[in-house]
Amino acid sequence: MKKFYINTYGCQMNVHESEKLAGILYERGYIRADSNEEADIILLNTCCIRETAETRVLGNLGIIKKIKEKRPHVMVCICGCMPQKPGTAEMLKKRCPFIDIIIGTHNMYKLGEYLDEAQHKKVVEIWDKEREPENAPIHRDGKFSAWVNIMYGCDNFCSYCIVPYVRGRERSRDFDEIVAEVGSLVKNGYKEITLLGQNVNSYKGGAPEFGNLLRALSQFDGEYWIKFMTSHPKDLTEDVVKAMASSDKIAKFIHLPVQSGSDRILKLMNRKYTSGEYLDKIKMIRDHLPDAGISSDIMVGFPTETEEDYLCSEDLVKKVKYNNLFTFIYSRRSGTVADKMDGQIDLKTKTDRIERLIKLQFDIGNELARSYIGNTYRILCERVENGIGYGKSSCDKSISFEASEENAGKFLNVKITEVKNNKLKGELI
């Protein structure tokens, strides 16, 4: 029986798209291999949002080339964001002639047809048209957690971001189709369902549509959580937060990327809000959801960022006290507005700033973690390994505890007893 292996780069959107690619291959009789070396089809589902992911793809292609030389029958396919970027598909075709199939973000669902075609010739096909079929098969990797797309693309055109150029403009899925898919997942035992979109709050054009969707998805019988990501601060409404507060089926967690605490930098980024407006959104969330978990993204080293601008980000982090913070060094992306800006920051300065920011967040995380000792949380046990259970609370606190295999996939009450390096440990109640 032929085997496939998928190398996934980037965010949760790509992880879910890899599940769709796997669904296509399972339908055609393939099974999953444990590594590239064992596979008859090697797929690279790429991301070009950040330079590091693109560099990893190119590095892995060198390894895959050696596999192809030893096993010429192996089919190599590269898809996703990276080939969609103008000029990249042709570059890959010339630089890596051993690749059999090169496709973009809009036509990945045709993988099966391309595999047939590639038996006779190389396939390079990039579509500019923005569309995704909703009937693509999905082979879900998780037993208890599932991803569900509610929309695709982005209309925000942040000056540093290439997403609108490689994933297209916003397109929302049909309301009833989403409700039916989530209802089926709940019926089949999934306990945590995460709604995906580049900007979920602009679903169907924005308020009140996303809030209405959340309410509809919280009406099924059984114990489960609905999560969502990602939210753009300018579009998060009080209606959505009220919907979260009104239902125990909607997790009390919001990922709200701020990117910078400097109003000058936010304007250059084209984020369409000020730090003050962002902090007002944080206050609004906590007014309705006092115990909500809030995480964010912050980028350092954006063009012309001064030490004063950077310290504004530190100040904002201190005011919000995030549960979790994802920090990034700005990397130039060709085709974006920021790539052409003067005042590019040197790597030493960027590295210094991100190290300081990471330490700040670590200290805040430690302070918050210690305050949780003695609290009891309802958690979903995601897995059990060597007698230790790992799970998350509704507000996205990660907790480990002694457990048995039968605890996996269940909602449990866990009391926090210990904190070590920001990691919460507890005991079953």
Protein backbone atom coordinates (compact mmCIF):
# COMPACT_ATOMS: atom_id res chain seq x y z
CA MET A 1 0.00 0.00 0.00
CA LYS A 2 1.35 3.44 -0.93
CA LYS A 3 2.16 5.94 1.79
CA PHE A 4 2.19 9.73 2.10
CA TYR A 5 3.87 12.19 4.44
CA ILE A 6 2.82 15.83 4.85
CA ASN A 7 5.28 18.48 6.09
CA THR A 8 3.21 21.37 7.49
CA TYR A 9 4.59 24.86 8.02
CA GLY A 10 2.91 27.86 9.61
CA CYS A 11 -0.31 28.40 11.53
CA GLN A 12 -3.45 26.47 12.47
CA MET A 13 -4.96 27.31 9.08
CA ASN A 14 -2.20 25.26 7.44
CA VAL A 15 -2.59 22.44 9.95
CA HIS A 16 -6.27 22.16 9.03
CA GLU A 17 -5.50 22.38 5.32
CA SER A 18 -3.08 19.47 5.76
CA GLU A 19 -6.00 17.50 7.22
CA LYS A 20 -7.87 18.18 3.97
CA LEU A 21 -4.90 17.05 1.89
CA ALA A 22 -4.72 13.90 3.99
CA GLY A 23 -8.43 13.33 3.41
CA ILE A 24 -7.91 13.39 -0.35
CA LEU A 25 -5.06 10.87 -0.12
CA TYR A 26 -6.87 8.50 2.23
CA GLU A 27 -9.83 8.50 -0.17
CA ARG A 28 -7.44 7.39 -2.91
CA GLY A 29 -6.17 4.46 -0.83
CA TYR A 30 -2.97 5.92 0.61
CA ILE A 31 -1.96 5.58 4.27
CA ARG A 32 0.20 7.89 6.36
CA ALA A 33 3.94 7.25 6.57
CA ASP A 34 6.00 7.95 9.68
CA SER A 35 8.60 10.01 7.80
CA ASN A 36 9.58 11.47 4.43
CA GLU A 37 11.98 8.56 3.94
CA GLU A 38 9.14 6.00 4.00
CA ALA A 39 6.69 7.91 1.80
CA ASP A 40 5.69 7.41 -1.83
CA ILE A 41 4.26 10.93 -1.88
CA ILE A 42 5.96 13.78 0.01
CA LEU A 43 3.93 16.97 0.39
CA LEU A 44 5.14 20.33 1.68
CA ASN A 45 2.21 22.50 2.76
CA THR A 46 4.05 25.80 2.96
CA CYS A 47 3.74 29.20 4.60
CA CYS A 48 5.44 32.42 3.55
CA ILE A 49 3.99 34.70 6.23
CA ARG A 50 7.33 34.75 8.03
CA GLU A 51 10.80 34.31 6.62
CA THR A 52 11.69 31.47 9.02
CA ALA A 53 8.97 29.17 7.64
CA GLU A 54 10.06 29.84 4.05
CA THR A 55 13.71 29.17 4.95
CA ARG A 56 12.74 25.84 6.54
CA VAL A 57 10.92 24.81 3.36
CA LEU A 58 13.97 25.49 1.20
CA GLY A 59 16.21 23.65 3.65
CA ASN A 60 13.94 20.59 3.71
CA LEU A 61 13.77 20.53 -0.09
CA GLY A 62 17.52 19.85 -0.06
CA ILE A 63 16.93 16.79 2.12
CA ILE A 64 14.01 15.64 -0.03
CA LYS A 65 16.15 15.96 -3.16
CA LYS A 66 18.45 13.23 -1.75
CA ILE A 67 15.45 11.01 -1.04
CA LYS A 68 14.25 11.50 -4.62
CA GLU A 69 17.69 10.56 -5.95
CA LYS A 70 17.63 7.27 -4.02
CA ARG A 71 13.96 6.55 -4.75
CA PRO A 72 13.05 8.16 -8.12
CA HIS A 73 9.44 6.95 -8.00
CA VAL A 74 8.67 9.21 -5.02
CA MET A 75 6.25 12.00 -5.93
CA VAL A 76 7.11 15.43 -4.47
CA CYS A 77 4.42 18.11 -4.18
CA ILE A 78 4.76 21.65 -2.83
CA CYS A 79 1.60 23.66 -2.16
CA GLY A 80 0.18 26.48 -0.05
CA CYS A 81 1.18 30.11 0.47
CA MET A 82 4.76 29.98 -0.78
CA PRO A 83 4.09 28.95 -4.42
CA GLN A 84 1.18 31.43 -4.50
CA LYS A 85 3.60 34.34 -4.03
CA PRO A 86 4.35 35.92 -7.43
CA GLY A 87 7.46 34.47 -9.08
CA THR A 88 8.02 31.77 -6.47
CA ALA A 89 6.53 28.87 -8.44
CA GLU A 90 8.88 29.57 -11.35
CA MET A 91 11.82 29.91 -8.97
CA LEU A 92 11.01 26.52 -7.42
CA LYS A 93 10.59 24.94 -10.84
CA LYS A 94 14.08 26.05 -11.88
CA ARG A 95 15.85 25.61 -8.54
CA CYS A 96 14.26 22.25 -7.65
CA PRO A 97 13.46 20.37 -10.89
CA PHE A 98 12.81 17.20 -8.86
CA ILE A 99 9.47 18.65 -7.66
CA ASP A 100 6.61 16.95 -9.51
CA ILE A 101 3.67 19.19 -8.50
CA ILE A 102 3.62 22.90 -7.62
CA ILE A 103 0.22 24.36 -6.67
CA GLY A 104 -1.02 27.34 -4.67
CA THR A 105 -3.59 28.04 -1.96
CA HIS A 106 -6.69 28.12 -4.16
CA ASN A 107 -6.44 24.78 -5.95
CA MET A 108 -5.09 22.38 -3.32
CA TYR A 109 -8.39 20.52 -3.32
CA LYS A 110 -7.50 19.25 -6.82
CA LEU A 111 -4.49 17.33 -5.48
CA GLY A 112 -5.90 13.97 -6.55
CA GLU A 113 -6.29 15.08 -10.18
CA TYR A 114 -2.80 16.55 -10.20
CA LEU A 115 -1.32 13.29 -8.92
CA ASP A 116 -2.84 11.49 -11.91
CA GLU A 117 -1.55 14.15 -14.29
CA ALA A 118 1.93 14.07 -12.73
CA GLN A 119 2.35 10.44 -13.74
CA HIS A 120 3.00 11.77 -17.26
CA LYS A 121 4.40 15.29 -16.78
CA LYS A 122 5.31 17.89 -14.18
CA VAL A 123 2.41 20.02 -12.94
CA VAL A 124 2.76 23.72 -12.17
CA GLU A 125 -0.60 25.39 -11.72
CA ILE A 126 -1.24 28.53 -9.64
CA TRP A 127 -4.74 30.02 -9.59
CA ASP A 128 -5.41 33.70 -8.99
CA LYS A 129 -9.12 33.03 -8.48
CA GLU A 130 -10.13 32.94 -4.84
CA ARG A 131 -12.35 29.97 -4.08
CA GLU A 132 -12.42 26.93 -1.83
CA PRO A 133 -14.91 24.05 -2.14
CA GLU A 134 -16.66 23.02 1.05
CA ASN A 135 -16.99 19.32 0.17
CA ALA A 136 -13.31 18.42 0.39
CA PRO A 137 -12.75 15.27 2.50
CA ILE A 138 -11.03 15.81 5.85
CA HIS A 139 -8.94 13.33 7.81
CA ARG A 140 -8.78 14.92 11.26
CA ASP A 141 -5.64 14.32 13.30
CA GLY A 142 -7.19 14.99 16.71
CA LYS A 143 -9.51 12.62 18.54
CA PHE A 144 -11.14 15.29 20.67
CA SER A 145 -10.23 18.62 19.04
CA ALA A 146 -11.18 19.80 15.56
CA TRP A 147 -10.66 22.83 13.31
CA VAL A 148 -13.45 24.39 11.24
CA ASN A 149 -12.91 27.12 8.64
CA ILE A 150 -15.56 29.83 8.76
CA MET A 151 -13.85 32.17 6.30
CA TYR A 152 -10.81 32.56 4.07
CA GLY A 153 -8.56 35.44 3.04
CA CYS A 154 -8.12 38.92 4.47
CA ASP A 155 -9.09 42.50 3.57
CA ASN A 156 -6.94 44.35 6.10
CA PHE A 157 -3.68 44.79 4.16
CA CYS A 158 -1.44 45.36 7.16
CA SER A 159 1.72 46.84 5.69
CA TYR A 160 3.96 43.97 6.87
CA CYS A 161 1.67 41.11 5.84
CA ILE A 162 1.50 39.11 2.65
CA VAL A 163 -1.71 37.17 3.49
CA PRO A 164 -4.12 39.16 1.26
CA TYR A 165 -1.76 38.65 -1.68
CA VAL A 166 -1.37 34.88 -1.30
CA ARG A 167 -4.72 33.91 0.25
CA GLY A 168 -6.94 36.46 -1.44
CA ARG A 169 -9.75 38.67 -0.19
CA GLU A 170 -12.23 37.69 2.52
CA ARG A 171 -14.77 35.01 1.66
CA SER A 172 -17.16 33.70 4.33
CA ARG A 173 -18.60 30.19 4.41
CA ASP A 174 -22.34 29.63 4.46
CA PHE A 175 -23.83 29.98 7.96
CA ASP A 176 -25.89 26.78 7.78
CA GLU A 177 -22.96 24.74 6.45
CA ILE A 178 -20.82 25.75 9.42
CA VAL A 179 -23.62 24.95 11.89
CA ALA A 180 -24.13 21.54 10.26
CA GLU A 181 -20.39 20.73 10.35
CA VAL A 182 -20.00 21.72 14.01
CA GLY A 183 -23.19 19.84 14.93
CA SER A 184 -21.79 16.71 13.29
CA LEU A 185 -18.48 17.08 15.14
CA VAL A 186 -20.24 17.42 18.50
CA LYS A 187 -22.42 14.40 17.71
CA ASN A 188 -19.28 12.41 16.89
CA GLY A 189 -17.66 13.15 20.24
CA TYR A 190 -15.41 16.15 19.55
CA LYS A 191 -15.05 18.27 22.68
CA GLU A 192 -13.13 21.32 21.45
CA ILE A 193 -13.92 22.95 18.12
CA THR A 194 -11.85 25.91 16.95
CA LEU A 195 -13.28 28.26 14.32
CA LEU A 196 -10.60 29.49 11.91
CA GLY A 197 -10.24 32.64 9.86
CA GLN A 198 -7.66 35.36 9.32
CA ASN A 199 -10.16 37.70 10.98
CA VAL A 200 -13.14 35.81 12.37
CA ASN A 201 -14.81 38.98 13.65
CA SER A 202 -15.42 40.16 10.10
CA TYR A 203 -17.35 36.97 9.26
CA LYS A 204 -20.12 37.87 6.77
CA GLY A 205 -19.04 41.52 6.97
CA GLY A 206 -18.82 41.83 10.74
CA ALA A 207 -21.28 42.53 13.58
CA PRO A 208 -23.69 41.03 14.39
CA GLU A 209 -22.95 38.04 12.15
CA PHE A 210 -20.11 36.48 14.10
CA GLY A 211 -21.92 36.85 17.42
CA ASN A 212 -24.98 35.18 15.89
CA LEU A 213 -22.82 32.32 14.64
CA LEU A 214 -21.34 31.78 18.10
CA ARG A 215 -24.83 31.69 19.62
CA ALA A 216 -26.01 29.15 17.03
CA LEU A 217 -23.00 26.92 17.65
CA SER A 218 -23.59 26.85 21.40
CA GLN A 219 -27.06 25.29 21.15
CA PHE A 220 -26.09 21.62 20.77
CA ASP A 221 -26.53 19.10 23.56
CA GLY A 222 -23.47 17.81 25.38
CA GLU A 223 -20.36 19.30 26.96
CA TYR A 224 -18.00 20.94 24.48
CA TRP A 225 -16.17 24.20 23.85
CA ILE A 226 -16.18 26.52 20.88
CA LYS A 227 -12.96 28.50 20.38
CA PHE A 228 -11.96 30.88 17.61
CA MET A 229 -8.95 32.60 16.11
CA THR A 230 -7.83 35.05 15.04
CA SER A 231 -9.51 38.30 16.10
CA HIS A 232 -8.54 41.70 14.70
CA PRO A 233 -8.79 44.29 17.49
CA LYS A 234 -10.59 46.84 15.31
CA ASP A 235 -13.43 44.37 14.63
CA LEU A 236 -13.94 42.70 18.02
CA THR A 237 -17.34 43.88 19.26
CA GLU A 238 -19.09 43.91 22.61
CA ASP A 239 -21.79 41.73 21.04
CA VAL A 240 -19.25 38.93 20.54
CA VAL A 241 -17.97 39.22 24.10
CA LYS A 242 -21.54 39.17 25.44
CA ALA A 243 -22.20 36.02 23.41
CA MET A 244 -19.13 34.45 25.04
CA ALA A 245 -20.29 35.46 28.50
CA SER A 246 -23.80 34.10 27.98
CA SER A 247 -22.83 30.52 27.13
CA ASP A 248 -20.75 27.88 28.90
CA LYS A 249 -20.19 26.28 25.47
CA ILE A 250 -17.97 29.16 24.30
CA ALA A 251 -14.45 29.15 25.75
CA LYS A 252 -13.48 32.22 27.73
CA PHE A 253 -10.35 32.92 25.74
CA ILE A 254 -9.47 35.51 23.08
CA HIS A 255 -6.31 35.79 21.02
CA LEU A 256 -6.13 39.52 20.23
CA PRO A 257 -2.92 40.45 18.37
CA VAL A 258 -1.81 44.00 19.13
CA GLN A 259 1.53 43.86 17.17
CA SER A 260 2.87 47.06 18.79
CA GLY A 261 2.20 49.40 21.68
CA SER A 262 3.34 52.47 19.74
CA ASP A 263 0.63 54.49 18.00
CA ARG A 264 3.15 55.71 15.43
CA ILE A 265 4.16 52.16 14.54
CA LEU A 266 0.55 50.95 14.55
CA LYS A 267 -0.27 53.63 11.98
CA LEU A 268 2.68 52.58 9.80
CA MET A 269 1.48 49.00 10.12
CA ASN A 270 -2.00 50.04 8.92
CA ARG A 271 -3.61 48.36 11.93
CA LYS A 272 -6.46 50.92 12.11
CA TYR A 273 -6.54 51.32 15.91
CA THR A 274 -4.51 53.09 18.58
CA SER A 275 -3.00 51.57 21.71
CA GLY A 276 -5.66 53.39 23.72
CA GLU A 277 -8.46 51.89 21.64
CA TYR A 278 -6.87 48.47 22.05
CA LEU A 279 -6.73 48.86 25.83
CA ASP A 280 -10.41 49.88 25.77
CA LYS A 281 -11.17 46.54 24.09
CA ILE A 282 -9.21 44.73 26.82
CA LYS A 283 -11.24 46.55 29.49
CA MET A 284 -14.48 45.67 27.70
CA ILE A 285 -13.50 41.98 27.63
CA ARG A 286 -12.65 41.94 31.33
CA ASP A 287 -15.81 43.84 32.28
CA HIS A 288 -17.88 40.98 30.84
CA LEU A 289 -15.38 38.13 31.37
CA PRO A 290 -13.23 38.90 34.45
CA ASP A 291 -11.39 35.58 34.26
CA ALA A 292 -10.92 35.50 30.47
CA GLY A 293 -7.63 34.30 29.08
CA ILE A 294 -6.10 36.82 26.69
CA SER A 295 -3.09 36.25 24.45
CA SER A 296 -1.49 38.40 21.78
CA ASP A 297 1.18 38.79 19.11
CA ILE A 298 3.83 41.51 19.30
CA MET A 299 6.38 42.27 16.61
CA VAL A 300 9.66 44.07 17.32
CA GLY A 301 11.95 45.79 14.86
CA PHE A 302 9.35 47.14 12.45
CA PRO A 303 10.92 49.76 10.12
CA THR A 304 11.82 53.01 11.96
CA GLU A 305 10.93 51.53 15.37
CA THR A 306 12.80 53.56 17.98
CA GLU A 307 13.68 52.58 21.53
CA GLU A 308 10.76 54.77 22.65
CA ASP A 309 8.40 52.88 20.31
CA TYR A 310 9.66 49.57 21.67
CA LEU A 311 9.17 50.72 25.28
CA CYS A 312 5.55 51.55 24.40
CA SER A 313 5.09 47.85 23.62
CA GLU A 314 6.64 46.91 26.96
CA ASP A 315 4.33 49.36 28.70
CA LEU A 316 1.26 47.87 27.02
CA VAL A 317 2.30 44.33 27.98
CA LYS A 318 2.67 45.44 31.60
CA LYS A 319 -0.82 46.99 31.55
CA VAL A 320 -2.58 44.00 29.96
CA LYS A 321 -0.68 41.17 31.70
CA TYR A 322 -1.28 38.59 28.99
CA ASN A 323 -1.68 34.94 29.83
CA ASN A 324 0.46 34.18 26.80
CA LEU A 325 2.39 36.30 24.32
CA PHE A 326 3.77 35.31 20.94
CA THR A 327 6.74 37.47 20.02
CA PHE A 328 8.24 37.94 16.58
CA ILE A 329 11.09 39.77 14.93
CA TYR A 330 9.90 41.72 11.89
CA SER A 331 11.06 40.06 8.68
CA ARG A 332 10.81 41.67 5.27
CA ARG A 333 8.29 40.11 2.89
CA SER A 334 8.63 41.07 -0.76
CA GLY A 335 5.39 42.43 -2.16
CA THR A 336 4.39 44.20 1.05
CA VAL A 337 4.40 47.94 1.73
CA ALA A 338 6.77 47.60 4.70
CA ASP A 339 9.40 45.91 2.55
CA LYS A 340 9.94 49.19 0.70
CA MET A 341 10.04 51.40 3.81
CA ASP A 342 13.17 53.26 4.82
CA GLY A 343 14.55 52.75 8.31
CA GLN A 344 14.95 48.97 8.35
CA ILE A 345 16.23 47.90 11.79
CA ASP A 346 19.45 45.92 12.20
CA LEU A 347 19.29 42.35 13.52
CA LYS A 348 21.29 43.11 16.69
CA THR A 349 18.77 45.73 17.79
CA LYS A 350 15.83 43.48 16.95
CA THR A 351 17.36 40.55 18.83
CA ASP A 352 18.04 42.69 21.90
CA ARG A 353 14.45 43.93 21.96
CA ILE A 354 12.81 40.55 21.55
CA GLU A 355 14.97 39.04 24.30
CA ARG A 356 13.89 41.82 26.66
CA LEU A 357 10.24 41.34 25.69
CA ILE A 358 10.42 37.59 26.21
CA LYS A 359 11.91 38.07 29.67
CA LEU A 360 9.23 40.61 30.57
CA GLN A 361 6.44 38.24 29.56
CA PHE A 362 8.12 35.35 31.39
CA ASP A 363 8.16 37.38 34.60
CA ILE A 364 4.51 38.39 34.13
CA GLY A 365 3.56 34.77 33.39
CA ASN A 366 5.32 33.62 36.55
CA GLU A 367 3.50 36.23 38.61
CA LEU A 368 0.14 35.22 37.17
CA ALA A 369 0.85 31.50 37.52
CA ARG A 370 1.64 31.82 41.23
CA SER A 371 -1.70 33.59 41.75
CA TYR A 372 -3.53 30.54 40.38
CA ILE A 373 -2.31 28.17 43.13
CA GLY A 374 -5.33 26.86 45.03
CA ASN A 375 -7.77 27.60 42.19
CA THR A 376 -9.81 24.81 40.60
CA TYR A 377 -10.43 24.80 36.83
CA ARG A 378 -12.61 22.76 34.51
CA ILE A 379 -10.22 21.39 31.90
CA LEU A 380 -10.36 19.22 28.80
CA CYS A 381 -7.78 16.44 29.10
CA GLU A 382 -6.15 16.41 25.67
CA ARG A 383 -3.80 13.47 26.20
CA VAL A 384 -2.19 11.21 28.80
CA GLU A 385 1.47 10.22 28.58
CA ASN A 386 3.29 8.07 31.14
CA GLY A 387 0.66 8.66 33.78
CA ILE A 388 0.58 12.44 33.30
CA GLY A 389 -2.48 14.17 31.85
CA TYR A 390 -2.24 17.40 29.88
CA GLY A 391 -5.16 19.71 29.36
CA LYS A 392 -6.39 23.26 29.05
CA SER A 393 -9.04 25.26 30.85
CA SER A 394 -11.74 27.29 29.14
CA CYS A 395 -9.53 30.36 29.65
CA ASP A 396 -6.60 28.52 27.99
CA LYS A 397 -4.52 27.70 31.04
CA SER A 398 -2.33 24.65 30.34
CA ILE A 399 -2.25 22.24 33.30
CA SER A 400 -0.57 18.88 33.92
CA PHE A 401 -1.69 16.35 36.55
CA GLU A 402 -1.52 12.66 37.43
CA ALA A 403 -4.02 10.78 35.28
CA SER A 404 -4.99 7.46 33.72
CA GLU A 405 -5.62 6.71 30.07
CA GLU A 406 -9.38 6.77 30.64
CA ASN A 407 -9.17 10.49 31.48
CA ALA A 408 -8.17 11.43 27.92
CA GLY A 409 -10.88 13.31 26.08
CA LYS A 410 -12.88 14.07 29.22
CA PHE A 411 -13.73 17.26 31.04
CA LEU A 412 -12.24 17.18 34.54
CA ASN A 413 -11.88 19.44 37.56
CA VAL A 414 -8.26 20.09 38.48
CA LYS A 415 -6.92 22.08 41.44
CA ILE A 416 -3.64 23.96 40.92
CA THR A 417 -1.07 22.83 43.49
CA GLU A 418 2.30 23.88 42.08
CA VAL A 419 3.99 26.20 39.58
CA LYS A 420 7.37 25.59 37.98
CA ASN A 421 8.79 27.81 35.22
CA ASN A 422 5.31 29.16 34.44
CA LYS A 423 3.97 25.60 34.10
CA LEU A 424 0.89 24.78 36.16
CA LYS A 425 0.62 21.45 37.92
CA GLY A 426 -2.49 20.19 39.67
CA GLU A 427 -4.47 17.31 41.09
CA LEU A 428 -7.81 15.84 40.05
CA ILE A 429 -10.77 16.83 42.20
